[in-house]
């Protein structure tokens, strides 16, 4: 509960001290599948818009991975992600592509009406060097760690099943452990508060307010966003 209060305070964080602000729309589909006792897979897809919510493209990401289930609630994933960044507000043909191997440990604690997820991810980011809106030869390398904590409290049901509704609180902090282009250690923080609806037993929708503040070479930035995510979990194993 204390972490939830801290998260709400982060969501209400003002814009003072930030040189740039924006309004954004974030869409995401997160899918986890299990095919054997210890093995499964991970797929997530993101589409983000910026500049008064939807005037410009922001980022597109496709991420895949192979998951090892140490236990039902403890999972280790290794994978690869491709990200297309659109940094220009006037030239949509300028795309900064990113190659991103990643590794992750996820621990989930749940009861009938409550669920908490801890997620620690390591990312090796390969970003092309640029000059203005020109791509140069070579890459910048950044090693980034990100810790994500999410809690869900149900309102109308005592378990996660079709038709259940709840409150979602989520915070994720990003830290650069190494960067060849000497960026700051603190990268960004993403705080989210919203509602969830269990569309089916396996598919949950989350809609709410997203607050992103970050330090960039152009100055400190804050974004107020609307985030719509779908979380889809399927166990493909034959039922005994």
C-alpha atoms as a PDB file:
ATOM      1  CA  UNK A   1       0.000   0.000   0.000  1.00  0.00           C
ATOM      2  CA  UNK A   2       2.855   2.401   0.798  1.00  0.00           C
ATOM      3  CA  UNK A   3       4.310   1.853  -2.670  1.00  0.00           C
ATOM      4  CA  UNK A   4       0.896   2.550  -4.165  1.00  0.00           C
ATOM      5  CA  UNK A   5       0.721   5.909  -2.376  1.00  0.00           C
ATOM      6  CA  UNK A   6       4.198   6.819  -3.618  1.00  0.00           C
ATOM      7  CA  UNK A   7       3.143   5.894  -7.148  1.00  0.00           C
ATOM      8  CA  UNK A   8       0.085   8.128  -7.005  1.00  0.00           C
ATOM      9  CA  UNK A   9       2.279  11.012  -5.884  1.00  0.00           C
ATOM     10  CA  UNK A  10       4.549  10.386  -8.860  1.00  0.00           C
ATOM     11  CA  UNK A  11       1.539  10.429 -11.186  1.00  0.00           C
ATOM     12  CA  UNK A  12       0.589  13.865  -9.860  1.00  0.00           C
ATOM     13  CA  UNK A  13       4.143  15.226 -10.211  1.00  0.00           C
ATOM     14  CA  UNK A  14       4.087  18.746 -11.631  1.00  0.00           C
ATOM     15  CA  UNK A  15       5.878  20.113 -14.669  1.00  0.00           C
ATOM     16  CA  UNK A  16       8.096  22.618 -12.843  1.00  0.00           C
ATOM     17  CA  UNK A  17      11.775  22.216 -13.607  1.00  0.00           C
ATOM     18  CA  UNK A  18      11.159  20.471 -16.938  1.00  0.00           C
ATOM     19  CA  UNK A  19      12.080  22.240 -20.166  1.00  0.00           C
ATOM     20  CA  UNK A  20       9.793  20.210 -22.434  1.00  0.00           C
ATOM     21  CA  UNK A  21       6.320  18.767 -21.928  1.00  0.00           C
ATOM     22  CA  UNK A  22       4.113  16.684 -24.173  1.00  0.00           C
ATOM     23  CA  UNK A  23       0.858  14.725 -24.351  1.00  0.00           C
ATOM     24  CA  UNK A  24       1.083  11.179 -25.715  1.00  0.00           C
ATOM     25  CA  UNK A  25      -0.896   8.030 -26.535  1.00  0.00           C
ATOM     26  CA  UNK A  26       0.604   4.595 -25.798  1.00  0.00           C
ATOM     27  CA  UNK A  27      -0.792   1.283 -27.050  1.00  0.00           C
ATOM     28  CA  UNK A  28       0.670  -2.118 -26.173  1.00  0.00           C
ATOM     29  CA  UNK A  29      -0.016  -5.832 -26.466  1.00  0.00           C
ATOM     30  CA  UNK A  30       1.847  -8.137 -24.032  1.00  0.00           C
ATOM     31  CA  UNK A  31       1.609 -11.882 -24.587  1.00  0.00           C
ATOM     32  CA  UNK A  32       3.103 -14.706 -22.506  1.00  0.00           C
ATOM     33  CA  UNK A  33       2.665 -18.316 -23.545  1.00  0.00           C
ATOM     34  CA  UNK A  34       3.634 -21.570 -21.848  1.00  0.00           C
ATOM     35  CA  UNK A  35       4.261 -24.709 -23.900  1.00  0.00           C
ATOM     36  CA  UNK A  36       5.898 -27.069 -21.378  1.00  0.00           C
ATOM     37  CA  UNK A  37       6.561 -27.390 -17.657  1.00  0.00           C
ATOM     38  CA  UNK A  38       9.647 -25.168 -17.792  1.00  0.00           C
ATOM     39  CA  UNK A  39       9.386 -23.468 -21.182  1.00  0.00           C
ATOM     40  CA  UNK A  40       7.397 -20.695 -22.759  1.00  0.00           C
ATOM     41  CA  UNK A  41       7.743 -17.555 -24.842  1.00  0.00           C
ATOM     42  CA  UNK A  42       7.251 -13.790 -24.674  1.00  0.00           C
ATOM     43  CA  UNK A  43       5.914 -11.382 -27.320  1.00  0.00           C
ATOM     44  CA  UNK A  44       5.016  -7.720 -26.902  1.00  0.00           C
ATOM     45  CA  UNK A  45       4.222  -5.003 -29.437  1.00  0.00           C
ATOM     46  CA  UNK A  46       4.033  -1.247 -28.818  1.00  0.00           C
ATOM     47  CA  UNK A  47       2.815   1.737 -30.825  1.00  0.00           C
ATOM     48  CA  UNK A  48       3.287   5.214 -29.359  1.00  0.00           C
ATOM     49  CA  UNK A  49       2.163   8.623 -30.584  1.00  0.00           C
ATOM     50  CA  UNK A  50       3.256  12.090 -29.396  1.00  0.00           C
ATOM     51  CA  UNK A  51       2.785  15.853 -29.868  1.00  0.00           C
ATOM     52  CA  UNK A  52      -0.663  16.692 -28.439  1.00  0.00           C
ATOM     53  CA  UNK A  53      -1.469  12.991 -28.201  1.00  0.00           C
ATOM     54  CA  UNK A  54      -1.454  11.913 -31.856  1.00  0.00           C
ATOM     55  CA  UNK A  55       0.092  14.439 -34.250  1.00  0.00           C
ATOM     56  CA  UNK A  56       3.366  12.526 -34.689  1.00  0.00           C
ATOM     57  CA  UNK A  57       4.790   9.046 -34.437  1.00  0.00           C
ATOM     58  CA  UNK A  58       6.847   8.429 -31.313  1.00  0.00           C
ATOM     59  CA  UNK A  59       8.122   4.835 -31.124  1.00  0.00           C
ATOM     60  CA  UNK A  60       7.261   1.370 -32.438  1.00  0.00           C
ATOM     61  CA  UNK A  61       8.683  -1.698 -30.649  1.00  0.00           C
ATOM     62  CA  UNK A  62       8.520  -5.437 -31.298  1.00  0.00           C
ATOM     63  CA  UNK A  63       9.982  -7.665 -28.577  1.00  0.00           C
ATOM     64  CA  UNK A  64      10.284 -11.479 -28.485  1.00  0.00           C
ATOM     65  CA  UNK A  65      11.883 -13.904 -26.064  1.00  0.00           C
ATOM     66  CA  UNK A  66      12.203 -17.462 -24.754  1.00  0.00           C
ATOM     67  CA  UNK A  67      11.073 -18.005 -21.157  1.00  0.00           C
ATOM     68  CA  UNK A  68      12.218 -20.553 -18.592  1.00  0.00           C
ATOM     69  CA  UNK A  69       9.753 -21.171 -15.751  1.00  0.00           C
ATOM     70  CA  UNK A  70      11.731 -21.943 -12.594  1.00  0.00           C
ATOM     71  CA  UNK A  71       8.338 -21.977 -10.842  1.00  0.00           C
ATOM     72  CA  UNK A  72       4.855 -20.949 -11.914  1.00  0.00           C
ATOM     73  CA  UNK A  73       5.484 -17.476 -10.488  1.00  0.00           C
ATOM     74  CA  UNK A  74       9.232 -17.152 -11.177  1.00  0.00           C
ATOM     75  CA  UNK A  75      10.320 -16.725 -14.789  1.00  0.00           C
ATOM     76  CA  UNK A  76      13.538 -15.916 -16.637  1.00  0.00           C
ATOM     77  CA  UNK A  77      13.387 -14.611 -20.210  1.00  0.00           C
ATOM     78  CA  UNK A  78      16.086 -13.943 -22.818  1.00  0.00           C
ATOM     79  CA  UNK A  79      15.179 -12.190 -26.040  1.00  0.00           C
ATOM     80  CA  UNK A  80      15.610  -9.538 -28.701  1.00  0.00           C
ATOM     81  CA  UNK A  81      13.763  -6.297 -29.425  1.00  0.00           C
ATOM     82  CA  UNK A  82      13.649  -3.958 -32.405  1.00  0.00           C
ATOM     83  CA  UNK A  83      12.646  -0.344 -31.821  1.00  0.00           C
ATOM     84  CA  UNK A  84      11.965   2.373 -34.398  1.00  0.00           C
ATOM     85  CA  UNK A  85      12.239   5.878 -32.927  1.00  0.00           C
ATOM     86  CA  UNK A  86      10.801   8.953 -34.689  1.00  0.00           C
ATOM     87  CA  UNK A  87      12.610  11.916 -33.062  1.00  0.00           C
ATOM     88  CA  UNK A  88      11.621  14.577 -35.614  1.00  0.00           C
ATOM     89  CA  UNK A  89       8.346  16.518 -35.502  1.00  0.00           C
ATOM     90  CA  UNK A  90       8.625  17.565 -39.147  1.00  0.00           C
ATOM     91  CA  UNK A  91      10.297  14.645 -40.948  1.00  0.00           C
ATOM     92  CA  UNK A  92       8.530  11.308 -40.462  1.00  0.00           C
ATOM     93  CA  UNK A  93      10.956   9.599 -42.851  1.00  0.00           C
ATOM     94  CA  UNK A  94      13.763  10.067 -40.321  1.00  0.00           C
ATOM     95  CA  UNK A  95      13.846   6.865 -38.274  1.00  0.00           C
ATOM     96  CA  UNK A  96      16.455   5.951 -35.681  1.00  0.00           C
ATOM     97  CA  UNK A  97      16.405   2.157 -35.438  1.00  0.00           C
ATOM     98  CA  UNK A  98      17.566   0.370 -32.307  1.00  0.00           C
ATOM     99  CA  UNK A  99      18.761  -3.211 -31.859  1.00  0.00           C
ATOM    100  CA  UNK A 100      18.151  -4.387 -28.293  1.00  0.00           C
ATOM    101  CA  UNK A 101      19.045  -7.811 -26.810  1.00  0.00           C
ATOM    102  CA  UNK A 102      17.468  -8.183 -23.361  1.00  0.00           C
ATOM    103  CA  UNK A 103      17.261 -10.448 -20.299  1.00  0.00           C
ATOM    104  CA  UNK A 104      14.619 -10.452 -17.590  1.00  0.00           C
ATOM    105  CA  UNK A 105      13.610 -11.966 -14.247  1.00  0.00           C
ATOM    106  CA  UNK A 106       9.940 -11.785 -13.289  1.00  0.00           C
ATOM    107  CA  UNK A 107       8.346 -12.733  -9.971  1.00  0.00           C
ATOM    108  CA  UNK A 108       4.554 -12.699  -9.522  1.00  0.00           C
ATOM    109  CA  UNK A 109       2.739 -12.838  -6.198  1.00  0.00           C
ATOM    110  CA  UNK A 110      -1.022 -13.222  -6.346  1.00  0.00           C
ATOM    111  CA  UNK A 111      -4.076 -14.100  -4.294  1.00  0.00           C
ATOM    112  CA  UNK A 112      -7.704 -14.314  -5.388  1.00  0.00           C
ATOM    113  CA  UNK A 113      -8.242 -10.534  -5.481  1.00  0.00           C
ATOM    114  CA  UNK A 114      -4.693  -9.121  -5.541  1.00  0.00           C
ATOM    115  CA  UNK A 115      -1.673  -9.477  -7.827  1.00  0.00           C
ATOM    116  CA  UNK A 116       1.823  -7.971  -7.602  1.00  0.00           C
ATOM    117  CA  UNK A 117       4.520  -8.349 -10.251  1.00  0.00           C
ATOM    118  CA  UNK A 118       8.239  -7.561  -9.844  1.00  0.00           C
ATOM    119  CA  UNK A 119      10.230  -7.346 -13.072  1.00  0.00           C
ATOM    120  CA  UNK A 120      13.962  -6.659 -13.460  1.00  0.00           C
ATOM    121  CA  UNK A 121      15.189  -6.273 -17.031  1.00  0.00           C
ATOM    122  CA  UNK A 122      18.672  -5.793 -18.506  1.00  0.00           C
ATOM    123  CA  UNK A 123      18.988  -4.280 -21.999  1.00  0.00           C
ATOM    124  CA  UNK A 124      21.940  -3.924 -24.366  1.00  0.00           C
ATOM    125  CA  UNK A 125      20.996  -1.022 -26.631  1.00  0.00           C
ATOM    126  CA  UNK A 126      22.683  -0.404 -29.992  1.00  0.00           C
ATOM    127  CA  UNK A 127      21.698   3.034 -31.312  1.00  0.00           C
ATOM    128  CA  UNK A 128      23.046   4.401 -34.614  1.00  0.00           C
ATOM    129  CA  UNK A 129      25.108   7.561 -34.429  1.00  0.00           C
ATOM    130  CA  UNK A 130      23.361  10.627 -35.853  1.00  0.00           C
ATOM    131  CA  UNK A 131      24.089  14.193 -36.888  1.00  0.00           C
ATOM    132  CA  UNK A 132      20.916  16.222 -37.068  1.00  0.00           C
ATOM    133  CA  UNK A 133      18.589  14.043 -39.137  1.00  0.00           C
ATOM    134  CA  UNK A 134      21.388  12.061 -40.789  1.00  0.00           C
ATOM    135  CA  UNK A 135      22.385   8.512 -39.805  1.00  0.00           C
ATOM    136  CA  UNK A 136      26.154   8.105 -39.483  1.00  0.00           C
ATOM    137  CA  UNK A 137      28.356   5.017 -39.493  1.00  0.00           C
ATOM    138  CA  UNK A 138      28.740   3.224 -36.187  1.00  0.00           C
ATOM    139  CA  UNK A 139      26.641   2.811 -33.066  1.00  0.00           C
ATOM    140  CA  UNK A 140      26.384   4.077 -29.521  1.00  0.00           C
ATOM    141  CA  UNK A 141      26.139   1.296 -26.929  1.00  0.00           C
ATOM    142  CA  UNK A 142      24.142   1.642 -23.721  1.00  0.00           C
ATOM    143  CA  UNK A 143      23.656  -0.920 -20.967  1.00  0.00           C
ATOM    144  CA  UNK A 144      20.381  -0.170 -19.207  1.00  0.00           C
ATOM    145  CA  UNK A 145      18.571  -1.719 -16.258  1.00  0.00           C
ATOM    146  CA  UNK A 146      14.884  -1.229 -15.543  1.00  0.00           C
ATOM    147  CA  UNK A 147      12.817  -2.280 -12.542  1.00  0.00           C
ATOM    148  CA  UNK A 148       9.036  -2.515 -12.882  1.00  0.00           C
ATOM    149  CA  UNK A 149       6.570  -2.964 -10.012  1.00  0.00           C
ATOM    150  CA  UNK A 150       2.853  -3.432 -10.706  1.00  0.00           C
ATOM    151  CA  UNK A 151      -0.035  -4.086  -8.311  1.00  0.00           C
ATOM    152  CA  UNK A 152      -3.659  -4.883  -9.178  1.00  0.00           C
ATOM    153  CA  UNK A 153      -6.577  -4.781  -6.697  1.00  0.00           C
ATOM    154  CA  UNK A 154      -9.910  -6.262  -7.790  1.00  0.00           C
ATOM    155  CA  UNK A 155     -13.213  -4.546  -6.975  1.00  0.00           C
ATOM    156  CA  UNK A 156     -16.099  -6.765  -7.970  1.00  0.00           C
ATOM    157  CA  UNK A 157     -14.719 -10.312  -7.914  1.00  0.00           C
ATOM    158  CA  UNK A 158     -12.617 -12.360  -5.540  1.00  0.00           C
ATOM    159  CA  UNK A 159     -10.522 -13.818  -8.348  1.00  0.00           C
ATOM    160  CA  UNK A 160      -9.126 -12.892 -11.759  1.00  0.00           C
ATOM    161  CA  UNK A 161     -11.770 -14.132 -14.166  1.00  0.00           C
ATOM    162  CA  UNK A 162     -13.906 -12.791 -16.993  1.00  0.00           C
ATOM    163  CA  UNK A 163     -15.751  -9.645 -15.939  1.00  0.00           C
ATOM    164  CA  UNK A 164     -13.528  -8.665 -13.016  1.00  0.00           C
ATOM    165  CA  UNK A 165     -12.623  -4.980 -12.616  1.00  0.00           C
ATOM    166  CA  UNK A 166      -9.792  -3.504 -10.601  1.00  0.00           C
ATOM    167  CA  UNK A 167      -7.315  -0.737  -9.858  1.00  0.00           C
ATOM    168  CA  UNK A 168      -3.811  -0.846 -11.368  1.00  0.00           C
ATOM    169  CA  UNK A 169      -0.773   0.987  -9.960  1.00  0.00           C
ATOM    170  CA  UNK A 170       2.530   0.674 -11.784  1.00  0.00           C
ATOM    171  CA  UNK A 171       5.968   2.288 -11.624  1.00  0.00           C
ATOM    172  CA  UNK A 172       9.097   1.579 -13.665  1.00  0.00           C
ATOM    173  CA  UNK A 173      12.513   3.202 -13.219  1.00  0.00           C
ATOM    174  CA  UNK A 174      15.288   3.131 -15.874  1.00  0.00           C
ATOM    175  CA  UNK A 175      19.015   3.450 -15.099  1.00  0.00           C
ATOM    176  CA  UNK A 176      21.981   3.489 -17.481  1.00  0.00           C
ATOM    177  CA  UNK A 177      24.864   1.441 -16.099  1.00  0.00           C
ATOM    178  CA  UNK A 178      27.133   2.239 -19.063  1.00  0.00           C
ATOM    179  CA  UNK A 179      26.890   4.398 -22.187  1.00  0.00           C
ATOM    180  CA  UNK A 180      29.516   4.995 -24.852  1.00  0.00           C
ATOM    181  CA  UNK A 181      27.994   8.432 -25.529  1.00  0.00           C
ATOM    182  CA  UNK A 182      28.162   9.412 -21.832  1.00  0.00           C
ATOM    183  CA  UNK A 183      24.458   9.940 -21.124  1.00  0.00           C
ATOM    184  CA  UNK A 184      23.260  10.426 -17.543  1.00  0.00           C
ATOM    185  CA  UNK A 185      22.881   7.410 -15.278  1.00  0.00           C
ATOM    186  CA  UNK A 186      19.222   8.152 -14.552  1.00  0.00           C
ATOM    187  CA  UNK A 187      17.272   7.656 -17.758  1.00  0.00           C
ATOM    188  CA  UNK A 188      13.567   7.937 -16.971  1.00  0.00           C
ATOM    189  CA  UNK A 189      10.657   6.987 -14.713  1.00  0.00           C
ATOM    190  CA  UNK A 190       7.214   5.832 -15.825  1.00  0.00           C
ATOM    191  CA  UNK A 191       4.303   5.966 -13.373  1.00  0.00           C
ATOM    192  CA  UNK A 192       0.839   4.655 -14.224  1.00  0.00           C
ATOM    193  CA  UNK A 193      -2.548   4.606 -12.493  1.00  0.00           C
ATOM    194  CA  UNK A 194      -5.665   3.207 -14.103  1.00  0.00           C
ATOM    195  CA  UNK A 195      -8.378   0.572 -14.271  1.00  0.00           C
ATOM    196  CA  UNK A 196      -8.245  -2.991 -15.516  1.00  0.00           C
ATOM    197  CA  UNK A 197     -10.990  -5.153 -16.989  1.00  0.00           C
ATOM    198  CA  UNK A 198     -10.755  -8.911 -17.431  1.00  0.00           C
ATOM    199  CA  UNK A 199     -12.135  -9.345 -20.964  1.00  0.00           C
ATOM    200  CA  UNK A 200     -11.632 -13.113 -20.725  1.00  0.00           C
ATOM    201  CA  UNK A 201      -9.952 -15.328 -18.144  1.00  0.00           C
ATOM    202  CA  UNK A 202      -6.738 -14.979 -20.188  1.00  0.00           C
ATOM    203  CA  UNK A 203      -6.985 -11.390 -21.509  1.00  0.00           C
ATOM    204  CA  UNK A 204      -6.834  -8.266 -19.338  1.00  0.00           C
ATOM    205  CA  UNK A 205      -7.188  -4.671 -20.572  1.00  0.00           C
ATOM    206  CA  UNK A 206      -5.661  -1.732 -18.716  1.00  0.00           C
ATOM    207  CA  UNK A 207      -6.526   1.923 -19.370  1.00  0.00           C
ATOM    208  CA  UNK A 208      -5.314   4.953 -17.446  1.00  0.00           C
ATOM    209  CA  UNK A 209      -2.959   7.872 -16.944  1.00  0.00           C
ATOM    210  CA  UNK A 210       0.768   7.589 -17.672  1.00  0.00           C
ATOM    211  CA  UNK A 211       3.403  10.013 -16.403  1.00  0.00           C
ATOM    212  CA  UNK A 212       6.886   9.837 -17.943  1.00  0.00           C
ATOM    213  CA  UNK A 213       9.739  12.051 -16.853  1.00  0.00           C
ATOM    214  CA  UNK A 214      13.216  11.723 -18.275  1.00  0.00           C
ATOM    215  CA  UNK A 215      16.613  13.369 -18.685  1.00  0.00           C
ATOM    216  CA  UNK A 216      17.722  13.802 -22.311  1.00  0.00           C
ATOM    217  CA  UNK A 217      20.564  15.655 -24.105  1.00  0.00           C
ATOM    218  CA  UNK A 218      17.941  18.279 -25.070  1.00  0.00           C
ATOM    219  CA  UNK A 219      16.894  18.833 -21.460  1.00  0.00           C
ATOM    220  CA  UNK A 220      14.541  17.415 -18.875  1.00  0.00           C
ATOM    221  CA  UNK A 221      11.243  16.212 -20.322  1.00  0.00           C
ATOM    222  CA  UNK A 222       7.864  15.212 -18.936  1.00  0.00           C
ATOM    223  CA  UNK A 223       4.986  13.545 -20.783  1.00  0.00           C
ATOM    224  CA  UNK A 224       1.380  13.123 -19.725  1.00  0.00           C
ATOM    225  CA  UNK A 225      -0.150  10.185 -21.528  1.00  0.00           C
ATOM    226  CA  UNK A 226      -3.099   7.892 -21.957  1.00  0.00           C
ATOM    227  CA  UNK A 227      -2.030   4.244 -21.935  1.00  0.00           C
ATOM    228  CA  UNK A 228      -4.058   1.306 -23.221  1.00  0.00           C
ATOM    229  CA  UNK A 229      -2.401  -2.106 -22.737  1.00  0.00           C
ATOM    230  CA  UNK A 230      -3.641  -5.642 -23.279  1.00  0.00           C
ATOM    231  CA  UNK A 231      -2.092  -8.489 -21.257  1.00  0.00           C
ATOM    232  CA  UNK A 232      -2.657 -11.927 -22.761  1.00  0.00           C
ATOM    233  CA  UNK A 233      -1.549 -15.148 -21.047  1.00  0.00           C
ATOM    234  CA  UNK A 234      -2.071 -18.598 -22.572  1.00  0.00           C
ATOM    235  CA  UNK A 235      -1.088 -22.033 -21.247  1.00  0.00           C
ATOM    236  CA  UNK A 236      -0.864 -24.326 -24.290  1.00  0.00           C
ATOM    237  CA  UNK A 237      -0.176 -27.481 -22.293  1.00  0.00           C
ATOM    238  CA  UNK A 238      -2.763 -30.214 -22.514  1.00  0.00           C
ATOM    239  CA  UNK A 239      -5.035 -30.341 -19.524  1.00  0.00           C
ATOM    240  CA  UNK A 240      -4.762 -33.579 -17.590  1.00  0.00           C
END
